[in-house]
Amino acid sequence: MDLIDAEEKPQSYFFFQLFTIVTTFSSVPIVLFVFLQESRENSKSYPMFYADFFSVFYCTLFFLWTWAYISTCASKSPKVKSALIGFSGGHCEKCKITKPDRAHHCSACAACVSKMDHHCVWTNRCIDYYNYKTFLLFVGYLSVGTYTYDYLSFGYITSYEKPDLWIVWKILVYLETAIVFLTTVLATALFSAHIMMSLTNLTTIEYIKGKPFIYPFCNDDITASANHHNLGPVVNWIEIFGSNPLLWPLPTLYRGKEDGQLFPVIPLAKEEDYYKFEN
């Protein structure tokens, strides 16, 4: 075993994962028993079923978020095998394999990852081909949930008849509210970026670094930086979420016809186009 392989060990970001779980779970009792309490006590000042609606709505979002989060964290990604056919992602010196197209070596996981998007510290694992759908839903439900929390917290802060709370609980409520407000900004930006990349069939790594291809059937390594996986927004979306719209909002693990090794590309018009980047 080489020295570089012996030294590389997986890294854990458990603290970030614990922070995510604690702050999200603590928001539920704050919404139900603090923000909505005043609307229950003064129900005539609010629309009918105001507290009931937001209670059910927020708990539903929390359930879907938890489902998506657990699915993302617990998904199993098979070990990446050396590419034998198709486009190549280059050679990995640490794993000693020819990386399949769109695979990258993750230093945090100490392994090559299929269609790696990024290593997420908040889930303490890589976001890849096998859990990208659930990750998108996790961020999406988080965004909607934080907007709901912000709306209800604004009503609580500006209300003249706040529920009486012990000073420590008041501090915790305002601290949680500040964290959620910051999360709203970050989650919205992250979700918007990933929706854009999903519709153009790009991963975060490909978007930042550009998409290199090593063309097959060539004697020499001929590379290009065009996005040859962009098959159109509809096909790109179905590749991630599947063809059944009823399952799109559910954080079920979807695996398409691809096996994480090969991915469909735009066919080149002519065979000689494979060689057009030679000079």
C-alpha atoms as a PDB file:
ATOM      1  CA  MET A   1       0.000   0.000   0.000  1.00  0.00           C
ATOM      2  CA  ASP A   2       1.326   3.422  -0.936  1.00  0.00           C
ATOM      3  CA  LEU A   3       2.079   5.964   1.764  1.00  0.00           C
ATOM      4  CA  ILE A   4      -0.483   8.429   0.389  1.00  0.00           C
ATOM      5  CA  ASP A   5      -3.208   5.768   0.580  1.00  0.00           C
ATOM      6  CA  ALA A   6      -2.226   4.791   4.116  1.00  0.00           C
ATOM      7  CA  GLU A   7      -2.418   8.382   5.332  1.00  0.00           C
ATOM      8  CA  GLU A   8      -5.776   9.248   3.795  1.00  0.00           C
ATOM      9  CA  LYS A   9      -8.646   8.630   6.181  1.00  0.00           C
ATOM     10  CA  PRO A  10     -12.322   9.615   5.970  1.00  0.00           C
ATOM     11  CA  GLN A  11     -13.201  12.877   7.699  1.00  0.00           C
ATOM     12  CA  SER A  12     -16.242  13.351   9.904  1.00  0.00           C
ATOM     13  CA  TYR A  13     -18.340  16.500  10.182  1.00  0.00           C
ATOM     14  CA  PHE A  14     -20.633  15.162  12.899  1.00  0.00           C
ATOM     15  CA  PHE A  15     -20.777  18.511  14.726  1.00  0.00           C
ATOM     16  CA  PHE A  16     -22.336  20.209  11.670  1.00  0.00           C
ATOM     17  CA  GLN A  17     -24.777  17.331  11.308  1.00  0.00           C
ATOM     18  CA  LEU A  18     -25.741  17.542  14.981  1.00  0.00           C
ATOM     19  CA  PHE A  19     -26.183  21.316  14.692  1.00  0.00           C
ATOM     20  CA  THR A  20     -28.539  20.824  11.726  1.00  0.00           C
ATOM     21  CA  ILE A  21     -30.645  18.262  13.573  1.00  0.00           C
ATOM     22  CA  VAL A  22     -30.874  20.207  16.851  1.00  0.00           C
ATOM     23  CA  THR A  23     -31.764  23.570  15.298  1.00  0.00           C
ATOM     24  CA  THR A  24     -34.367  22.037  12.986  1.00  0.00           C
ATOM     25  CA  PHE A  25     -36.051  19.918  15.646  1.00  0.00           C
ATOM     26  CA  SER A  26     -36.114  22.799  18.140  1.00  0.00           C
ATOM     27  CA  SER A  27     -38.016  24.974  15.660  1.00  0.00           C
ATOM     28  CA  VAL A  28     -41.119  22.769  15.889  1.00  0.00           C
ATOM     29  CA  PRO A  29     -42.105  23.463  19.532  1.00  0.00           C
ATOM     30  CA  ILE A  30     -41.258  27.146  19.043  1.00  0.00           C
ATOM     31  CA  VAL A  31     -43.679  27.392  16.121  1.00  0.00           C
ATOM     32  CA  LEU A  32     -46.440  25.341  17.750  1.00  0.00           C
ATOM     33  CA  PHE A  33     -46.309  26.603  21.331  1.00  0.00           C
ATOM     34  CA  VAL A  34     -44.816  30.091  21.044  1.00  0.00           C
ATOM     35  CA  PHE A  35     -45.530  31.703  17.672  1.00  0.00           C
ATOM     36  CA  LEU A  36     -49.027  30.223  17.275  1.00  0.00           C
ATOM     37  CA  GLN A  37     -50.043  30.451  20.920  1.00  0.00           C
ATOM     38  CA  GLU A  38     -51.157  34.073  20.691  1.00  0.00           C
ATOM     39  CA  SER A  39     -53.319  33.296  17.642  1.00  0.00           C
ATOM     40  CA  ARG A  40     -55.055  30.540  19.621  1.00  0.00           C
ATOM     41  CA  GLU A  41     -55.740  32.812  22.577  1.00  0.00           C
ATOM     42  CA  ASN A  42     -57.046  35.609  20.330  1.00  0.00           C
ATOM     43  CA  SER A  43     -58.588  33.549  17.559  1.00  0.00           C
ATOM     44  CA  LYS A  44     -61.043  36.312  16.598  1.00  0.00           C
ATOM     45  CA  SER A  45     -58.142  38.519  15.497  1.00  0.00           C
ATOM     46  CA  TYR A  46     -56.916  35.930  12.990  1.00  0.00           C
ATOM     47  CA  PRO A  47     -58.417  34.181   9.963  1.00  0.00           C
ATOM     48  CA  MET A  48     -60.400  31.030  10.642  1.00  0.00           C
ATOM     49  CA  PHE A  49     -58.228  27.949  11.239  1.00  0.00           C
ATOM     50  CA  TYR A  50     -55.088  30.121  11.163  1.00  0.00           C
ATOM     51  CA  ALA A  51     -53.293  28.250  13.950  1.00  0.00           C
ATOM     52  CA  ASP A  52     -54.572  24.846  12.797  1.00  0.00           C
ATOM     53  CA  PHE A  53     -53.471  25.439   9.217  1.00  0.00           C
ATOM     54  CA  PHE A  54     -49.945  26.531  10.082  1.00  0.00           C
ATOM     55  CA  SER A  55     -49.590  23.768  12.672  1.00  0.00           C
ATOM     56  CA  VAL A  56     -50.437  21.080  10.127  1.00  0.00           C
ATOM     57  CA  PHE A  57     -48.466  22.796   7.353  1.00  0.00           C
ATOM     58  CA  TYR A  58     -45.290  23.188   9.405  1.00  0.00           C
ATOM     59  CA  CYS A  59     -45.459  19.661  10.822  1.00  0.00           C
ATOM     60  CA  THR A  60     -45.927  18.282   7.297  1.00  0.00           C
ATOM     61  CA  LEU A  61     -42.885  20.221   6.099  1.00  0.00           C
ATOM     62  CA  PHE A  62     -40.931  18.956   9.085  1.00  0.00           C
ATOM     63  CA  PHE A  63     -41.917  15.352   8.323  1.00  0.00           C
ATOM     64  CA  LEU A  64     -40.909  15.654   4.658  1.00  0.00           C
ATOM     65  CA  TRP A  65     -37.662  17.418   5.601  1.00  0.00           C
ATOM     66  CA  THR A  66     -36.807  14.682   8.114  1.00  0.00           C
ATOM     67  CA  TRP A  67     -37.580  11.983   5.555  1.00  0.00           C
ATOM     68  CA  ALA A  68     -35.411  13.685   2.931  1.00  0.00           C
ATOM     69  CA  TYR A  69     -32.593  14.329   5.405  1.00  0.00           C
ATOM     70  CA  ILE A  70     -32.467  10.743   6.678  1.00  0.00           C
ATOM     71  CA  SER A  71     -32.646   9.389   3.114  1.00  0.00           C
ATOM     72  CA  THR A  72     -29.758  11.624   2.071  1.00  0.00           C
ATOM     73  CA  CYS A  73     -27.592  10.722   5.049  1.00  0.00           C
ATOM     74  CA  ALA A  74     -28.357   6.994   5.001  1.00  0.00           C
ATOM     75  CA  SER A  75     -28.161   6.293   1.260  1.00  0.00           C
ATOM     76  CA  LYS A  76     -25.544   3.748   0.243  1.00  0.00           C
ATOM     77  CA  SER A  77     -23.255   4.427  -2.704  1.00  0.00           C
ATOM     78  CA  PRO A  78     -21.589   1.394  -4.310  1.00  0.00           C
ATOM     79  CA  LYS A  79     -17.833   1.444  -4.673  1.00  0.00           C
ATOM     80  CA  VAL A  80     -16.744   3.120  -7.895  1.00  0.00           C
ATOM     81  CA  LYS A  81     -15.187   0.690 -10.355  1.00  0.00           C
ATOM     82  CA  SER A  82     -12.576   1.446 -12.962  1.00  0.00           C
ATOM     83  CA  ALA A  83     -14.084   2.674 -16.232  1.00  0.00           C
ATOM     84  CA  LEU A  84     -13.700   0.265 -19.127  1.00  0.00           C
ATOM     85  CA  ILE A  85     -15.807   1.999 -21.787  1.00  0.00           C
ATOM     86  CA  GLY A  86     -17.279   5.420 -22.455  1.00  0.00           C
ATOM     87  CA  PHE A  87     -16.026   8.805 -21.343  1.00  0.00           C
ATOM     88  CA  SER A  88     -13.374   8.895 -18.654  1.00  0.00           C
ATOM     89  CA  GLY A  89     -12.894  11.232 -15.727  1.00  0.00           C
ATOM     90  CA  GLY A  90      -9.148  10.618 -15.721  1.00  0.00           C
ATOM     91  CA  HIS A  91      -6.956   8.458 -13.525  1.00  0.00           C
ATOM     92  CA  CYS A  92      -7.183   8.532  -9.724  1.00  0.00           C
ATOM     93  CA  GLU A  93      -3.778   8.086  -8.140  1.00  0.00           C
ATOM     94  CA  LYS A  94      -5.274   7.417  -4.709  1.00  0.00           C
ATOM     95  CA  CYS A  95      -7.876   4.809  -5.656  1.00  0.00           C
ATOM     96  CA  LYS A  96      -5.722   3.422  -8.494  1.00  0.00           C
ATOM     97  CA  ILE A  97      -8.602   3.371 -10.972  1.00  0.00           C
ATOM     98  CA  THR A  98      -9.607   5.043 -14.208  1.00  0.00           C
ATOM     99  CA  LYS A  99     -12.445   7.209 -12.983  1.00  0.00           C
ATOM    100  CA  PRO A 100     -15.775   6.873 -14.807  1.00  0.00           C
ATOM    101  CA  ASP A 101     -17.255   9.975 -16.356  1.00  0.00           C
ATOM    102  CA  ARG A 102     -18.431  12.515 -13.749  1.00  0.00           C
ATOM    103  CA  ALA A 103     -16.715  10.645 -10.897  1.00  0.00           C
ATOM    104  CA  HIS A 104     -14.361  12.528  -8.588  1.00  0.00           C
ATOM    105  CA  HIS A 105     -12.177  11.627  -5.652  1.00  0.00           C
ATOM    106  CA  CYS A 106     -13.495  12.981  -2.359  1.00  0.00           C
ATOM    107  CA  SER A 107     -10.804  13.618   0.232  1.00  0.00           C
ATOM    108  CA  ALA A 108     -13.410  13.694   3.022  1.00  0.00           C
ATOM    109  CA  CYS A 109     -14.744  10.246   2.058  1.00  0.00           C
ATOM    110  CA  ALA A 110     -11.276   8.984   1.030  1.00  0.00           C
ATOM    111  CA  ALA A 111     -12.835   7.395  -2.063  1.00  0.00           C
ATOM    112  CA  CYS A 112     -13.989   8.121  -5.591  1.00  0.00           C
ATOM    113  CA  VAL A 113     -17.671   9.069  -5.814  1.00  0.00           C
ATOM    114  CA  SER A 114     -20.082   8.521  -8.728  1.00  0.00           C
ATOM    115  CA  LYS A 115     -21.334  11.773 -10.259  1.00  0.00           C
ATOM    116  CA  MET A 116     -20.014  13.653  -7.257  1.00  0.00           C
ATOM    117  CA  ASP A 117     -21.698  16.986  -6.640  1.00  0.00           C
ATOM    118  CA  HIS A 118     -20.006  18.036  -3.398  1.00  0.00           C
ATOM    119  CA  HIS A 119     -19.297  16.823   0.110  1.00  0.00           C
ATOM    120  CA  CYS A 120     -22.003  18.272   2.354  1.00  0.00           C
ATOM    121  CA  VAL A 121     -20.888  18.924   5.927  1.00  0.00           C
ATOM    122  CA  TRP A 122     -24.520  19.338   7.060  1.00  0.00           C
ATOM    123  CA  THR A 123     -25.337  15.750   6.072  1.00  0.00           C
ATOM    124  CA  ASN A 124     -21.825  14.466   6.831  1.00  0.00           C
ATOM    125  CA  ARG A 125     -21.590  12.660   3.516  1.00  0.00           C
ATOM    126  CA  CYS A 126     -21.121  13.133  -0.212  1.00  0.00           C
ATOM    127  CA  ILE A 127     -23.945  14.248  -2.450  1.00  0.00           C
ATOM    128  CA  ASP A 128     -23.720  12.047  -5.515  1.00  0.00           C
ATOM    129  CA  TYR A 129     -25.686  10.170  -8.145  1.00  0.00           C
ATOM    130  CA  TYR A 130     -27.458   8.029  -5.557  1.00  0.00           C
ATOM    131  CA  ASN A 131     -28.847  10.705  -3.221  1.00  0.00           C
ATOM    132  CA  TYR A 132     -29.031  13.905  -5.281  1.00  0.00           C
ATOM    133  CA  LYS A 133     -32.843  13.844  -5.531  1.00  0.00           C
ATOM    134  CA  THR A 134     -33.303  13.525  -1.768  1.00  0.00           C
ATOM    135  CA  PHE A 135     -30.697  16.260  -1.208  1.00  0.00           C
ATOM    136  CA  LEU A 136     -32.607  18.634  -3.493  1.00  0.00           C
ATOM    137  CA  LEU A 137     -35.831  17.946  -1.613  1.00  0.00           C
ATOM    138  CA  PHE A 138     -34.039  18.334   1.719  1.00  0.00           C
ATOM    139  CA  VAL A 139     -32.860  21.819   0.723  1.00  0.00           C
ATOM    140  CA  GLY A 140     -36.211  22.658  -0.886  1.00  0.00           C
ATOM    141  CA  TYR A 141     -38.283  21.738   2.160  1.00  0.00           C
ATOM    142  CA  LEU A 142     -35.755  23.514   4.354  1.00  0.00           C
ATOM    143  CA  SER A 143     -36.221  26.692   2.301  1.00  0.00           C
ATOM    144  CA  VAL A 144     -40.029  26.571   2.499  1.00  0.00           C
ATOM    145  CA  GLY A 145     -39.865  25.746   6.198  1.00  0.00           C
ATOM    146  CA  THR A 146     -37.571  28.656   7.018  1.00  0.00           C
ATOM    147  CA  TYR A 147     -39.815  31.095   5.111  1.00  0.00           C
ATOM    148  CA  THR A 148     -42.789  29.816   7.103  1.00  0.00           C
ATOM    149  CA  TYR A 149     -40.852  30.191  10.347  1.00  0.00           C
ATOM    150  CA  ASP A 150     -39.759  33.722   9.393  1.00  0.00           C
ATOM    151  CA  TYR A 151     -43.351  34.735   8.633  1.00  0.00           C
ATOM    152  CA  LEU A 152     -44.649  33.425  11.950  1.00  0.00           C
ATOM    153  CA  SER A 153     -41.705  34.844  13.901  1.00  0.00           C
ATOM    154  CA  PHE A 154     -42.356  38.296  12.425  1.00  0.00           C
ATOM    155  CA  GLY A 155     -45.932  38.130  13.683  1.00  0.00           C
ATOM    156  CA  TYR A 156     -44.684  37.080  17.108  1.00  0.00           C
ATOM    157  CA  ILE A 157     -42.022  39.805  17.366  1.00  0.00           C
ATOM    158  CA  THR A 158     -44.401  42.590  16.300  1.00  0.00           C
ATOM    159  CA  SER A 159     -47.280  41.377  18.490  1.00  0.00           C
ATOM    160  CA  TYR A 160     -48.210  43.393  21.574  1.00  0.00           C
ATOM    161  CA  GLU A 161     -49.590  40.343  23.381  1.00  0.00           C
ATOM    162  CA  LYS A 162     -46.748  37.834  23.443  1.00  0.00           C
ATOM    163  CA  PRO A 163     -47.036  34.685  25.569  1.00  0.00           C
ATOM    164  CA  ASP A 164     -45.207  35.014  28.873  1.00  0.00           C
ATOM    165  CA  LEU A 165     -41.912  33.146  28.668  1.00  0.00           C
ATOM    166  CA  TRP A 166     -39.088  32.573  31.052  1.00  0.00           C
ATOM    167  CA  ILE A 167     -36.108  34.780  30.124  1.00  0.00           C
ATOM    168  CA  VAL A 168     -33.980  31.774  29.142  1.00  0.00           C
ATOM    169  CA  TRP A 169     -36.675  30.572  26.747  1.00  0.00           C
ATOM    170  CA  LYS A 170     -36.943  34.052  25.248  1.00  0.00           C
ATOM    171  CA  ILE A 171     -33.208  34.038  24.560  1.00  0.00           C
ATOM    172  CA  LEU A 172     -33.450  30.606  22.940  1.00  0.00           C
ATOM    173  CA  VAL A 173     -36.399  31.699  20.791  1.00  0.00           C
ATOM    174  CA  TYR A 174     -34.603  34.797  19.508  1.00  0.00           C
ATOM    175  CA  LEU A 175     -31.369  32.835  18.972  1.00  0.00           C
ATOM    176  CA  GLU A 176     -33.240  30.196  16.980  1.00  0.00           C
ATOM    177  CA  THR A 177     -34.961  32.933  14.977  1.00  0.00           C
ATOM    178  CA  ALA A 178     -31.626  34.533  14.075  1.00  0.00           C
ATOM    179  CA  ILE A 179     -30.229  31.157  12.968  1.00  0.00           C
ATOM    180  CA  VAL A 180     -33.324  30.406  10.890  1.00  0.00           C
ATOM    181  CA  PHE A 181     -33.216  33.822   9.211  1.00  0.00           C
ATOM    182  CA  LEU A 182     -29.599  33.245   8.151  1.00  0.00           C
ATOM    183  CA  THR A 183     -30.519  29.739   7.012  1.00  0.00           C
ATOM    184  CA  THR A 184     -33.307  31.198   4.864  1.00  0.00           C
ATOM    185  CA  VAL A 185     -30.820  33.253   2.867  1.00  0.00           C
ATOM    186  CA  LEU A 186     -28.322  30.417   2.465  1.00  0.00           C
ATOM    187  CA  ALA A 187     -30.896  27.701   1.729  1.00  0.00           C
ATOM    188  CA  THR A 188     -32.687  29.851  -0.856  1.00  0.00           C
ATOM    189  CA  ALA A 189     -29.443  30.594  -2.680  1.00  0.00           C
ATOM    190  CA  LEU A 190     -28.386  26.937  -2.528  1.00  0.00           C
ATOM    191  CA  PHE A 191     -31.757  25.620  -3.711  1.00  0.00           C
ATOM    192  CA  SER A 192     -31.947  28.130  -6.576  1.00  0.00           C
ATOM    193  CA  ALA A 193     -28.440  27.225  -7.728  1.00  0.00           C
ATOM    194  CA  HIS A 194     -29.151  23.492  -7.650  1.00  0.00           C
ATOM    195  CA  ILE A 195     -32.424  23.862  -9.545  1.00  0.00           C
ATOM    196  CA  MET A 196     -30.525  25.741 -12.259  1.00  0.00           C
ATOM    197  CA  MET A 197     -27.793  23.092 -12.345  1.00  0.00           C
ATOM    198  CA  SER A 198     -30.372  20.283 -12.387  1.00  0.00           C
ATOM    199  CA  LEU A 199     -32.100  21.731 -15.440  1.00  0.00           C
ATOM    200  CA  THR A 200     -28.757  22.023 -17.263  1.00  0.00           C
ATOM    201  CA  ASN A 201     -27.439  18.661 -15.994  1.00  0.00           C
ATOM    202  CA  LEU A 202     -24.421  20.012 -14.154  1.00  0.00           C
ATOM    203  CA  THR A 203     -22.937  19.103 -10.812  1.00  0.00           C
ATOM    204  CA  THR A 204     -21.461  21.721  -8.501  1.00  0.00           C
ATOM    205  CA  ILE A 205     -17.939  20.588  -9.375  1.00  0.00           C
ATOM    206  CA  GLU A 206     -18.668  20.771 -13.101  1.00  0.00           C
ATOM    207  CA  TYR A 207     -20.242  24.211 -12.730  1.00  0.00           C
ATOM    208  CA  ILE A 208     -17.285  25.638 -10.806  1.00  0.00           C
ATOM    209  CA  LYS A 209     -14.401  23.957 -12.602  1.00  0.00           C
ATOM    210  CA  GLY A 210     -15.912  23.420 -16.028  1.00  0.00           C
ATOM    211  CA  LYS A 211     -16.773  20.053 -17.496  1.00  0.00           C
ATOM    212  CA  PRO A 212     -13.744  18.240 -18.967  1.00  0.00           C
ATOM    213  CA  PHE A 213     -14.318  15.265 -21.248  1.00  0.00           C
ATOM    214  CA  ILE A 214     -11.855  12.703 -22.478  1.00  0.00           C
ATOM    215  CA  TYR A 215     -13.267  11.450 -25.743  1.00  0.00           C
ATOM    216  CA  PRO A 216     -13.364   7.719 -26.448  1.00  0.00           C
ATOM    217  CA  PHE A 217     -12.150   6.044 -29.631  1.00  0.00           C
ATOM    218  CA  CYS A 218      -9.097   8.332 -29.778  1.00  0.00           C
ATOM    219  CA  ASN A 219      -5.446   7.398 -29.677  1.00  0.00           C
ATOM    220  CA  ASP A 220      -4.587  10.566 -27.766  1.00  0.00           C
ATOM    221  CA  ASP A 221      -6.405  12.233 -24.911  1.00  0.00           C
ATOM    222  CA  ILE A 222      -8.668  14.771 -26.588  1.00  0.00           C
ATOM    223  CA  THR A 223     -10.571  16.962 -24.175  1.00  0.00           C
ATOM    224  CA  ALA A 224     -13.356  19.500 -24.433  1.00  0.00           C
ATOM    225  CA  SER A 225     -15.143  21.650 -21.893  1.00  0.00           C
ATOM    226  CA  ALA A 226     -18.686  21.711 -23.358  1.00  0.00           C
ATOM    227  CA  ASN A 227     -21.551  20.247 -21.329  1.00  0.00           C
ATOM    228  CA  HIS A 228     -22.414  17.189 -23.401  1.00  0.00           C
ATOM    229  CA  HIS A 229     -24.769  15.848 -20.721  1.00  0.00           C
ATOM    230  CA  ASN A 230     -27.303  18.651 -21.187  1.00  0.00           C
ATOM    231  CA  LEU A 231     -30.158  16.814 -22.925  1.00  0.00           C
ATOM    232  CA  GLY A 232     -32.727  19.542 -22.309  1.00  0.00           C
ATOM    233  CA  PRO A 233     -34.466  20.666 -19.101  1.00  0.00           C
ATOM    234  CA  VAL A 234     -37.258  18.065 -19.221  1.00  0.00           C
ATOM    235  CA  VAL A 235     -34.959  15.082 -19.809  1.00  0.00           C
ATOM    236  CA  ASN A 236     -32.460  16.422 -17.286  1.00  0.00           C
ATOM    237  CA  TRP A 237     -35.206  16.735 -14.667  1.00  0.00           C
ATOM    238  CA  ILE A 238     -36.530  13.223 -15.332  1.00  0.00           C
ATOM    239  CA  GLU A 239     -32.992  11.846 -15.062  1.00  0.00           C
ATOM    240  CA  ILE A 240     -32.968  13.011 -11.426  1.00  0.00           C
ATOM    241  CA  PHE A 241     -36.606  12.743 -10.308  1.00  0.00           C
ATOM    242  CA  GLY A 242     -37.981  10.021 -12.562  1.00  0.00           C
ATOM    243  CA  SER A 243     -40.926  10.060 -14.959  1.00  0.00           C
ATOM    244  CA  ASN A 244     -43.706   9.803 -12.345  1.00  0.00           C
ATOM    245  CA  PRO A 245     -44.707  13.331 -11.220  1.00  0.00           C
ATOM    246  CA  LEU A 246     -46.522  11.901  -8.182  1.00  0.00           C
ATOM    247  CA  LEU A 247     -43.168  10.806  -6.745  1.00  0.00           C
ATOM    248  CA  TRP A 248     -41.334  14.066  -7.415  1.00  0.00           C
ATOM    249  CA  PRO A 249     -42.170  15.690  -4.041  1.00  0.00           C
ATOM    250  CA  LEU A 250     -41.432  12.486  -2.107  1.00  0.00           C
ATOM    251  CA  PRO A 251     -37.839  11.850  -0.971  1.00  0.00           C
ATOM    252  CA  THR A 252     -37.669   8.356  -2.427  1.00  0.00           C
ATOM    253  CA  LEU A 253     -34.300   7.259  -3.735  1.00  0.00           C
ATOM    254  CA  TYR A 254     -34.535   7.245  -7.530  1.00  0.00           C
ATOM    255  CA  ARG A 255     -32.014   5.495  -9.729  1.00  0.00           C
ATOM    256  CA  GLY A 256     -32.555   5.816 -13.444  1.00  0.00           C
ATOM    257  CA  LYS A 257     -31.284   3.618 -16.226  1.00  0.00           C
ATOM    258  CA  GLU A 258     -27.743   4.758 -15.510  1.00  0.00           C
ATOM    259  CA  ASP A 259     -25.596   2.722 -13.129  1.00  0.00           C
ATOM    260  CA  GLY A 260     -23.464   5.572 -11.856  1.00  0.00           C
ATOM    261  CA  GLN A 261     -20.730   4.625 -14.306  1.00  0.00           C
ATOM    262  CA  LEU A 262     -22.118   5.736 -17.672  1.00  0.00           C
ATOM    263  CA  PHE A 263     -24.369   8.717 -18.396  1.00  0.00           C
ATOM    264  CA  PRO A 264     -26.168   9.683 -21.624  1.00  0.00           C
ATOM    265  CA  VAL A 265     -24.519  12.361 -23.733  1.00  0.00           C
ATOM    266  CA  ILE A 266     -25.520  14.420 -26.738  1.00  0.00           C
ATOM    267  CA  PRO A 267     -24.498  12.385 -29.793  1.00  0.00           C
ATOM    268  CA  LEU A 268     -21.929  14.064 -32.006  1.00  0.00           C
ATOM    269  CA  ALA A 269     -23.111  14.790 -35.530  1.00  0.00           C
ATOM    270  CA  LYS A 270     -20.254  13.048 -37.296  1.00  0.00           C
ATOM    271  CA  GLU A 271     -17.593  10.545 -36.314  1.00  0.00           C
ATOM    272  CA  GLU A 272     -14.843  12.997 -37.242  1.00  0.00           C
ATOM    273  CA  ASP A 273     -16.241  15.412 -34.631  1.00  0.00           C
ATOM    274  CA  TYR A 274     -14.641  13.196 -32.005  1.00  0.00           C
ATOM    275  CA  TYR A 275     -11.299  14.429 -33.309  1.00  0.00           C
ATOM    276  CA  LYS A 276     -12.063  18.098 -33.846  1.00  0.00           C
ATOM    277  CA  PHE A 277     -10.275  19.149 -30.648  1.00  0.00           C
ATOM    278  CA  GLU A 278      -7.025  17.483 -31.684  1.00  0.00           C
ATOM    279  CA  ASN A 279      -5.360  20.658 -32.954  1.00  0.00           C
END
